[in-house]
Amino acid sequence: MKSFKLNLFLFTIWWSIVISSIDDNDIHSVRKVLTTHRETIILKENDLNADKYVVNMTNDAVDYSQDFFYTEDLEKLCHNQVTEFVWKCPTIGDSEEKVLKFRTVYDQIGSSYLNWYLKSINGIDIVELDPKPYNHQILFHVKIYQQTILLSRLYPSYPQISGFEILQFIANLAFQCKFRIEVLDRSDVSTVYTALYGKRYYEYHFDGVDLSQDFLFKKIVVKKKTFLDCFEHIIKSFIKHLSKLFQENIQVCENAFVSVESCPITFDTQRLFYEISFSYCFDWSLIGGFLRVDPPLSQSFEITSKDINRIMTKKKQSNVGFVKINQTLDTKIIKTYDEIKTQIFDTSFLIELFSKIFEFCFVELEKQKFDPNPEDIFKLYLRPCVIPSIDLFLKYYTNV
C-alpha cells in the first residue's frame, strides 16, 4: 500500500508538471505532434479543388504475394507532381471498404517537400480538432531529395478509421516509392507496446515482432478488485483535466457545426487511461519491474516486400465487446451539447460514470478471459470497451 501511495504521489507530481508547462491553446499539439518541424503552414480552405491527377490505389490493382510495380500516376505522387489522391483501404475478411482522400496543404506542384493531410473518409470531410489549422490529425511529408516520407502526426479521432489503417497506407506508399519512413514516436500507446513487447508502436508495426515467443507479461494475472481500485482512484485525480479536454473537443465540434454523434469527444484523452493503468495498476515486480518508455527518438524504417506482406494482410482489431454492448441498449436518446457540457463539469457524475464503465467492461472482459494479463487489459478491455463506452455514455441517455 505504501508503494502504491508513493507511485500515486510521484505520478501526480509528474502529471502536474506536464500540464502546467503546456499552454491551454497548445495542449493538443504539444501532446500529439510527432515532428520537430515547426514552420507555419496555412490551409487554403477555399482552394481545395482536385488536381487533374488523382491516384486511385486499390487492392484490386495490388497482389500482395508479388513485388509492387510503378504506375504513371504513382510516379507523379512519389515525385510530388499531384496535389490530391485517393486510397481505397484493402478489405480483409469482413472489413468494410474505406475510401480516403489525401490533399497537400499547399498546391506547389514540383516542390521537393510537400505536406499531405487526410481530407475525407468515404467522401465526408473529417473533423479537425487541433487549434492550429496546419496540425492536422493525420499529416505526413514527402521529401523528394531525401527519399523520405516523414510521418508527422497520426492520431485519428474518428471511429471510421484507425491509426493502423493509416500505417498500412504509409507503408505501401514508402515501399512503392522506395522511400524510407521517418517518425518521432509519441504515440499514446507506445507505453503499452513497450511494456508488453519491448518495442514502441511504430517499431512493432513497421519492423514486426515475433508474437509466438513466451512474453514475460503473461505471468501477470490482473485481479479485478485490485486493478479497479487502483484505476478508479488515480483517474479521480485527473477528472478536472479530462473535463477540460472534453470541453475543448465539444467547442471545436460546435464551431464546425458537427453533430453530437460525429463529435470525437474523447480525442486526446486515451493516453491518460493507458498510462495510468499500465504504469501503476499491475504488479510488474513479478517480471523485474515496469519497462518505461524512453524519451521519443527519431526512427527510420526501410519497408521490404516481406514487411509489406505482413502489414497489408494484417486484419484490424474489431471492437467486438463494444459492439455487443452498444447493441444491448434498449433505449438511446441523444443529448444536446449543452447537456453534455453540464455533465462533464459535474465531478460526481463523471466519477460515477467512469466507475460504472470500468466495472461493466471488466465483467465483459472476464467473459472472454478468466485470468486476464496486461495485454488483455489493452486489447479486450481499454481499447475496445472502456474508451468507446465513455464516448457513448457522454453522448446518450441510456437505460444502463
Protein backbone atom coordinates (compact mmCIF):
# COMPACT_ATOMS: atom_id res chain seq x y z
CA MET A 1 0.00 0.00 0.00
CA LYS A 2 2.90 2.34 0.79
CA SER A 3 4.35 1.58 -2.63
CA PHE A 4 1.02 2.40 -4.29
CA LYS A 5 0.73 5.72 -2.43
CA LEU A 6 4.28 6.63 -3.39
CA ASN A 7 3.60 5.78 -7.04
CA LEU A 8 0.41 7.81 -6.98
CA PHE A 9 2.22 10.76 -5.38
CA LEU A 10 5.04 10.67 -7.94
CA PHE A 11 2.63 10.27 -10.86
CA THR A 12 0.51 13.21 -9.66
CA ILE A 13 3.56 15.46 -9.36
CA TRP A 14 4.82 14.42 -12.81
CA TRP A 15 1.47 14.97 -14.49
CA SER A 16 1.00 18.34 -12.77
CA ILE A 17 4.36 19.49 -14.15
CA VAL A 18 3.41 18.31 -17.65
CA ILE A 19 0.04 20.05 -17.60
CA SER A 20 1.33 23.28 -16.07
CA SER A 21 4.04 23.54 -18.72
CA ILE A 22 1.58 23.45 -21.62
CA ASP A 23 -0.25 26.50 -22.82
CA ASP A 24 -4.01 25.98 -22.89
CA ASN A 25 -4.24 26.61 -26.63
CA ASP A 26 -1.41 24.21 -27.38
CA ILE A 27 -2.41 21.26 -25.25
CA HIS A 28 -3.42 19.13 -28.24
CA SER A 29 -0.43 19.91 -30.41
CA VAL A 30 2.19 19.51 -27.66
CA ARG A 31 0.98 16.07 -26.69
CA LYS A 32 0.45 14.69 -30.14
CA VAL A 33 2.83 16.46 -32.56
CA LEU A 34 5.22 13.84 -33.90
CA THR A 35 7.77 16.07 -35.61
CA THR A 36 10.28 18.79 -34.86
CA HIS A 37 9.22 20.67 -37.98
CA ARG A 38 7.66 23.97 -36.83
CA GLU A 39 7.13 26.16 -39.89
CA THR A 40 3.73 27.79 -40.16
CA ILE A 41 1.51 26.20 -42.78
CA ILE A 42 -1.85 27.72 -43.62
CA LEU A 43 -4.50 25.55 -45.23
CA LYS A 44 -6.25 27.41 -48.04
CA GLU A 45 -9.82 26.41 -47.25
CA ASN A 46 -11.24 27.93 -50.45
CA ASP A 47 -8.72 26.33 -52.78
CA LEU A 48 -9.42 22.61 -52.40
CA ASN A 49 -10.32 21.72 -55.98
CA ALA A 50 -8.92 18.39 -57.07
CA ASP A 51 -5.82 18.28 -59.23
CA LYS A 52 -6.39 16.61 -62.59
CA TYR A 53 -4.20 13.69 -61.46
CA VAL A 54 -5.94 11.54 -58.86
CA VAL A 55 -4.11 8.37 -57.90
CA ASN A 56 -6.51 5.55 -57.10
CA MET A 57 -4.51 2.79 -55.38
CA THR A 58 -6.97 -0.04 -54.82
CA ASN A 59 -6.48 -3.55 -53.57
CA ASP A 60 -7.77 -4.73 -56.95
CA ALA A 61 -4.55 -3.46 -58.55
CA VAL A 62 -2.28 -4.95 -55.89
CA ASP A 63 -1.17 -8.55 -55.47
CA TYR A 64 0.46 -8.76 -52.05
CA SER A 65 2.19 -12.03 -52.92
CA GLN A 66 4.29 -10.30 -55.56
CA ASP A 67 6.52 -7.26 -55.76
CA PHE A 68 4.69 -4.00 -56.37
CA PHE A 69 5.18 -2.06 -59.59
CA TYR A 70 5.03 1.59 -60.51
CA THR A 71 2.25 3.20 -62.45
CA GLU A 72 2.49 6.52 -64.25
CA ASP A 73 0.30 8.27 -61.71
CA LEU A 74 2.12 6.74 -58.76
CA GLU A 75 5.39 8.07 -60.12
CA LYS A 76 3.77 11.50 -60.14
CA LEU A 77 2.81 11.07 -56.49
CA CYS A 78 6.27 9.90 -55.41
CA HIS A 79 7.80 12.93 -57.13
CA ASN A 80 5.27 15.49 -55.81
CA GLN A 81 3.56 16.07 -59.15
CA VAL A 82 0.00 15.71 -57.83
CA THR A 83 -1.89 17.57 -55.12
CA GLU A 84 -4.64 15.05 -54.37
CA PHE A 85 -5.08 11.30 -54.48
CA VAL A 86 -7.43 8.58 -53.28
CA TRP A 87 -6.58 5.42 -51.36
CA LYS A 88 -9.01 2.52 -51.01
CA CYS A 89 -8.15 0.60 -47.86
CA PRO A 90 -7.69 -3.12 -48.56
CA THR A 91 -10.73 -5.14 -47.49
CA ILE A 92 -9.59 -8.06 -45.36
CA GLY A 93 -12.15 -10.57 -44.16
CA ASP A 94 -15.42 -8.83 -43.37
CA SER A 95 -13.95 -5.33 -43.10
CA GLU A 96 -15.74 -2.52 -44.89
CA GLU A 97 -14.12 -0.68 -47.76
CA LYS A 98 -12.96 2.84 -46.90
CA VAL A 99 -12.05 5.49 -49.43
CA LEU A 100 -9.54 8.02 -48.09
CA LYS A 101 -8.81 11.27 -49.87
CA PHE A 102 -5.49 12.98 -49.16
CA ARG A 103 -4.52 16.51 -50.17
CA THR A 104 -1.45 18.69 -49.99
CA VAL A 105 -1.55 21.61 -47.58
CA TYR A 106 -0.01 23.75 -50.33
CA ASP A 107 -0.62 23.27 -54.05
CA GLN A 108 3.05 23.53 -55.01
CA ILE A 109 3.46 21.03 -57.84
CA GLY A 110 7.10 20.05 -58.33
CA SER A 111 8.20 21.09 -54.86
CA SER A 112 10.89 18.96 -53.22
CA TYR A 113 8.89 18.87 -49.98
CA LEU A 114 5.10 18.54 -49.79
CA ASN A 115 2.86 18.31 -46.73
CA TRP A 116 -0.07 15.91 -47.03
CA TYR A 117 -3.13 15.53 -44.81
CA LEU A 118 -6.19 13.30 -44.74
CA LYS A 119 -9.13 15.36 -46.00
CA SER A 120 -12.07 12.97 -46.09
CA ILE A 121 -13.25 9.43 -45.40
CA ASN A 122 -15.85 7.97 -47.78
CA GLY A 123 -16.49 11.45 -49.16
CA ILE A 124 -17.13 13.04 -45.74
CA ASP A 125 -14.64 15.65 -44.52
CA ILE A 126 -13.03 14.78 -41.21
CA VAL A 127 -13.35 16.87 -38.06
CA GLU A 128 -10.09 18.67 -37.27
CA LEU A 129 -9.67 19.12 -33.53
CA ASP A 130 -6.27 20.77 -33.32
CA PRO A 131 -6.46 24.52 -32.65
CA LYS A 132 -3.78 25.19 -35.28
CA PRO A 133 -5.09 24.67 -38.84
CA TYR A 134 -1.82 23.16 -40.11
CA ASN A 135 -1.64 20.49 -37.37
CA HIS A 136 -3.99 18.00 -38.96
CA GLN A 137 -4.63 14.77 -37.08
CA ILE A 138 -3.16 12.83 -40.00
CA LEU A 139 -0.14 14.58 -41.50
CA PHE A 140 2.90 13.33 -43.41
CA HIS A 141 5.57 14.86 -45.64
CA VAL A 142 7.07 13.57 -48.88
CA LYS A 143 10.71 14.67 -49.14
CA ILE A 144 11.97 14.03 -52.66
CA TYR A 145 15.70 14.68 -52.32
CA GLN A 146 15.97 12.75 -49.05
CA GLN A 147 13.78 9.95 -50.45
CA THR A 148 11.87 10.01 -47.20
CA ILE A 149 8.27 10.02 -46.00
CA LEU A 150 8.16 11.83 -42.68
CA LEU A 151 5.15 10.73 -40.63
CA SER A 152 4.38 13.81 -38.60
CA ARG A 153 1.03 13.18 -36.93
CA LEU A 154 -1.03 10.02 -36.52
CA TYR A 155 -3.94 10.39 -34.14
CA PRO A 156 -7.31 9.83 -35.79
CA SER A 157 -10.21 11.00 -33.66
CA TYR A 158 -12.95 9.36 -35.67
CA PRO A 159 -14.20 5.75 -35.44
CA GLN A 160 -14.38 5.29 -39.23
CA ILE A 161 -10.61 4.87 -39.49
CA SER A 162 -7.83 3.53 -37.28
CA GLY A 163 -4.23 4.59 -36.91
CA PHE A 164 -3.13 1.19 -38.17
CA GLU A 165 -5.05 1.62 -41.42
CA ILE A 166 -3.15 4.86 -42.00
CA LEU A 167 0.09 2.99 -41.30
CA GLN A 168 -0.88 0.46 -43.97
CA PHE A 169 -1.17 3.28 -46.45
CA ILE A 170 2.12 4.92 -45.40
CA ALA A 171 3.96 1.59 -45.61
CA ASN A 172 2.53 0.90 -49.07
CA LEU A 173 3.47 4.37 -50.30
CA ALA A 174 7.03 4.12 -48.93
CA PHE A 175 7.51 0.70 -50.47
CA GLN A 176 6.31 1.71 -53.91
CA CYS A 177 8.29 4.97 -53.88
CA LYS A 178 11.37 3.17 -52.49
CA PHE A 179 11.49 5.81 -49.74
CA ARG A 180 12.31 5.44 -46.05
CA ILE A 181 9.77 6.21 -43.34
CA GLU A 182 10.90 8.53 -40.55
CA VAL A 183 8.89 9.10 -37.41
CA LEU A 184 9.25 10.59 -33.93
CA ASP A 185 7.25 8.18 -31.79
CA ARG A 186 4.95 9.99 -29.38
CA SER A 187 2.08 7.61 -29.87
CA ASP A 188 -0.36 7.43 -26.98
CA VAL A 189 0.02 3.62 -26.97
CA SER A 190 3.82 3.39 -27.10
CA THR A 191 3.84 2.99 -23.31
CA VAL A 192 1.66 -0.09 -23.77
CA TYR A 193 3.63 -1.59 -26.66
CA THR A 194 6.99 -1.07 -24.93
CA ALA A 195 5.77 -2.65 -21.69
CA LEU A 196 4.32 -5.66 -23.49
CA TYR A 197 6.63 -6.32 -26.42
CA GLY A 198 9.76 -4.25 -25.77
CA LYS A 199 9.12 -2.23 -28.93
CA ARG A 200 7.46 1.11 -29.50
CA TYR A 201 4.26 1.40 -31.54
CA TYR A 202 5.89 2.12 -34.92
CA GLU A 203 8.69 -0.41 -34.40
CA TYR A 204 6.06 -3.04 -33.64
CA HIS A 205 4.21 -2.45 -36.91
CA PHE A 206 6.96 -1.44 -39.35
CA ASP A 207 9.68 -3.85 -38.14
CA GLY A 208 7.37 -6.54 -36.81
CA VAL A 209 7.67 -8.73 -33.73
CA ASP A 210 7.61 -12.48 -33.18
CA LEU A 211 4.31 -12.97 -31.35
CA SER A 212 4.93 -16.68 -30.85
CA GLN A 213 7.55 -16.04 -28.17
CA ASP A 214 6.76 -16.52 -24.48
CA PHE A 215 6.37 -12.91 -23.31
CA LEU A 216 7.01 -12.20 -19.63
CA PHE A 217 3.82 -10.17 -19.18
CA LYS A 218 1.82 -13.40 -19.48
CA LYS A 219 2.97 -14.27 -15.96
CA ILE A 220 0.99 -11.33 -14.55
CA VAL A 221 -2.62 -12.08 -13.64
CA VAL A 222 -4.74 -8.94 -13.25
CA LYS A 223 -7.09 -9.23 -10.27
CA LYS A 224 -10.35 -7.38 -10.76
CA LYS A 225 -10.72 -5.63 -7.38
CA THR A 226 -7.07 -4.63 -7.07
CA PHE A 227 -6.97 -3.27 -10.61
CA LEU A 228 -10.26 -1.37 -10.45
CA ASP A 229 -9.46 0.16 -7.04
CA CYS A 230 -6.17 1.46 -8.42
CA PHE A 231 -7.55 2.60 -11.77
CA GLU A 232 -10.54 4.45 -10.33
CA HIS A 233 -8.52 6.04 -7.52
CA ILE A 234 -5.91 7.62 -9.81
CA ILE A 235 -8.40 8.65 -12.50
CA LYS A 236 -10.24 10.68 -9.87
CA SER A 237 -7.13 12.85 -9.55
CA PHE A 238 -7.47 13.89 -13.20
CA ILE A 239 -11.21 14.43 -13.53
CA LYS A 240 -10.86 18.20 -13.97
CA HIS A 241 -8.23 17.77 -16.68
CA LEU A 242 -10.41 15.28 -18.52
CA SER A 243 -13.37 17.66 -18.24
CA LYS A 244 -11.30 20.39 -19.86
CA LEU A 245 -10.25 18.16 -22.76
CA PHE A 246 -13.86 17.06 -23.31
CA GLN A 247 -14.94 20.70 -23.36
CA GLU A 248 -12.27 21.71 -25.87
CA ASN A 249 -13.33 18.95 -28.25
CA ILE A 250 -17.01 19.85 -27.93
CA GLN A 251 -16.26 23.52 -28.58
CA VAL A 252 -14.46 22.69 -31.83
CA CYS A 253 -17.37 20.48 -32.91
CA GLU A 254 -19.88 23.21 -32.16
CA ASN A 255 -17.87 25.82 -34.03
CA ALA A 256 -17.67 23.49 -37.05
CA PHE A 257 -21.41 22.63 -36.83
CA VAL A 258 -20.61 18.95 -36.29
CA SER A 259 -23.39 16.75 -34.93
CA VAL A 260 -23.13 15.28 -31.46
CA GLU A 261 -22.98 11.75 -32.91
CA SER A 262 -19.97 12.63 -35.07
CA CYS A 263 -18.07 14.64 -32.47
CA PRO A 264 -14.96 12.79 -31.14
CA ILE A 265 -15.41 13.90 -27.54
CA THR A 266 -12.69 11.61 -26.17
CA PHE A 267 -9.96 12.90 -28.52
CA ASP A 268 -6.61 13.31 -26.72
CA THR A 269 -7.80 11.59 -23.52
CA GLN A 270 -6.83 7.98 -24.26
CA ARG A 271 -3.18 8.45 -23.27
CA LEU A 272 -4.18 9.09 -19.67
CA PHE A 273 -6.15 5.86 -19.36
CA TYR A 274 -3.38 3.81 -20.99
CA GLU A 275 -0.52 5.28 -18.98
CA ILE A 276 -2.27 5.13 -15.61
CA SER A 277 -3.34 1.52 -15.97
CA PHE A 278 -0.01 0.27 -17.30
CA SER A 279 2.30 2.38 -15.15
CA TYR A 280 0.64 1.90 -11.78
CA CYS A 281 -2.05 -0.77 -11.69
CA PHE A 282 -0.17 -4.01 -12.50
CA ASP A 283 2.31 -5.88 -10.33
CA TRP A 284 5.34 -5.59 -12.63
CA SER A 285 7.64 -6.74 -9.82
CA LEU A 286 6.77 -10.31 -10.85
CA ILE A 287 8.84 -9.84 -14.02
CA GLY A 288 11.51 -7.47 -12.77
CA GLY A 289 9.69 -4.15 -12.89
CA PHE A 290 7.89 -1.90 -15.35
CA LEU A 291 9.72 -1.19 -18.62
CA ARG A 292 9.28 2.55 -19.03
CA VAL A 293 9.28 4.35 -22.37
CA ASP A 294 12.39 6.45 -23.01
CA PRO A 295 12.01 9.98 -24.42
CA PRO A 296 10.89 9.75 -28.06
CA LEU A 297 13.65 9.32 -30.62
CA SER A 298 13.54 9.76 -34.36
CA GLN A 299 13.40 6.36 -36.05
CA SER A 300 13.92 5.34 -39.67
CA PHE A 301 12.33 2.31 -41.32
CA GLU A 302 13.00 0.57 -44.63
CA ILE A 303 9.91 -1.26 -45.86
CA THR A 304 10.74 -4.54 -47.62
CA SER A 305 8.46 -6.86 -49.58
CA LYS A 306 8.29 -9.11 -46.51
CA ASP A 307 7.23 -6.15 -44.37
CA ILE A 308 4.56 -5.04 -46.83
CA ASN A 309 3.02 -8.50 -46.99
CA ARG A 310 2.87 -8.68 -43.20
CA ILE A 311 1.48 -5.16 -42.77
CA MET A 312 -1.03 -5.18 -45.60
CA THR A 313 -2.57 -8.56 -44.75
CA LYS A 314 -2.97 -7.89 -41.04
CA LYS A 315 -6.58 -7.51 -40.03
CA LYS A 316 -7.54 -4.55 -37.88
CA GLN A 317 -8.78 -5.49 -34.41
CA SER A 318 -12.52 -5.09 -34.14
CA ASN A 319 -14.33 -3.69 -31.13
CA VAL A 320 -16.40 -6.84 -30.65
CA GLY A 321 -17.09 -6.24 -26.97
CA PHE A 322 -18.19 -2.67 -27.52
CA VAL A 323 -20.42 -3.55 -30.47
CA LYS A 324 -22.13 -6.12 -28.26
CA ILE A 325 -22.61 -3.54 -25.51
CA ASN A 326 -23.98 -0.96 -27.92
CA GLN A 327 -26.49 -3.42 -29.38
CA THR A 328 -27.84 -4.40 -25.96
CA LEU A 329 -29.01 -0.89 -25.12
CA ASP A 330 -32.79 -0.82 -25.27
CA THR A 331 -33.08 2.95 -25.44
CA LYS A 332 -30.56 5.51 -26.58
CA ILE A 333 -31.57 9.17 -26.51
CA ILE A 334 -29.04 11.66 -27.82
CA LYS A 335 -28.02 14.58 -25.62
CA THR A 336 -27.50 18.18 -26.68
CA TYR A 337 -24.10 19.83 -26.42
CA ASP A 338 -25.38 21.98 -23.56
CA GLU A 339 -26.46 18.89 -21.65
CA ILE A 340 -23.10 17.21 -22.21
CA LYS A 341 -21.17 20.32 -21.12
CA THR A 342 -23.19 20.44 -17.91
CA GLN A 343 -22.40 16.80 -17.13
CA ILE A 344 -18.68 16.85 -17.95
CA PHE A 345 -18.13 19.52 -15.31
CA ASP A 346 -20.12 17.58 -12.75
CA THR A 347 -17.28 15.77 -10.96
CA SER A 348 -19.58 13.37 -9.15
CA PHE A 349 -21.29 12.43 -12.41
CA LEU A 350 -18.01 11.71 -14.22
CA ILE A 351 -16.55 9.69 -11.36
CA GLU A 352 -19.71 7.60 -11.12
CA LEU A 353 -19.83 7.19 -14.91
CA PHE A 354 -16.21 6.05 -15.13
CA SER A 355 -16.67 3.67 -12.20
CA LYS A 356 -19.67 2.01 -13.87
CA ILE A 357 -17.88 1.73 -17.21
CA PHE A 358 -14.71 0.30 -15.64
CA GLU A 359 -16.76 -2.31 -13.78
CA PHE A 360 -19.05 -3.03 -16.72
CA CYS A 361 -16.17 -3.55 -19.16
CA PHE A 362 -14.27 -5.78 -16.74
CA VAL A 363 -17.29 -8.06 -16.49
CA GLU A 364 -17.30 -8.25 -20.31
CA LEU A 365 -13.56 -8.95 -20.25
CA GLU A 366 -13.98 -11.85 -17.84
CA LYS A 367 -16.45 -13.45 -20.23
CA GLN A 368 -13.59 -13.71 -22.73
CA LYS A 369 -10.65 -14.24 -20.39
CA PHE A 370 -10.99 -15.53 -16.82
CA ASP A 371 -7.42 -14.67 -15.73
CA PRO A 372 -6.56 -11.61 -17.83
CA ASN A 373 -2.99 -10.37 -18.25
CA PRO A 374 -1.84 -6.82 -19.17
CA GLU A 375 -2.20 -7.49 -22.90
CA ASP A 376 -5.83 -8.50 -22.35
CA ILE A 377 -6.43 -5.25 -20.44
CA PHE A 378 -5.28 -3.34 -23.52
CA LYS A 379 -6.79 -5.45 -26.31
CA LEU A 380 -10.01 -6.67 -24.68
CA TYR A 381 -10.74 -4.01 -22.06
CA LEU A 382 -9.37 -0.50 -22.62
CA ARG A 383 -9.28 -0.13 -26.39
CA PRO A 384 -12.46 -1.98 -27.45
CA CYS A 385 -14.67 -1.24 -24.44
CA VAL A 386 -13.64 1.48 -21.96
CA ILE A 387 -12.70 4.24 -24.42
CA PRO A 388 -15.67 3.86 -26.84
CA SER A 389 -18.09 3.36 -23.92
CA ILE A 390 -17.04 6.69 -22.41
CA ASP A 391 -17.78 8.37 -25.74
CA LEU A 392 -21.11 6.54 -25.97
CA PHE A 393 -22.37 7.38 -22.49
CA LEU A 394 -21.27 11.01 -22.73
CA LYS A 395 -23.40 11.42 -25.87
CA TYR A 396 -26.50 9.44 -24.99
CA TYR A 397 -29.01 8.93 -22.25
CA THR A 398 -29.50 5.18 -21.88
CA ASN A 399 -31.25 2.73 -19.60
CA VAL A 400 -27.91 1.40 -18.32
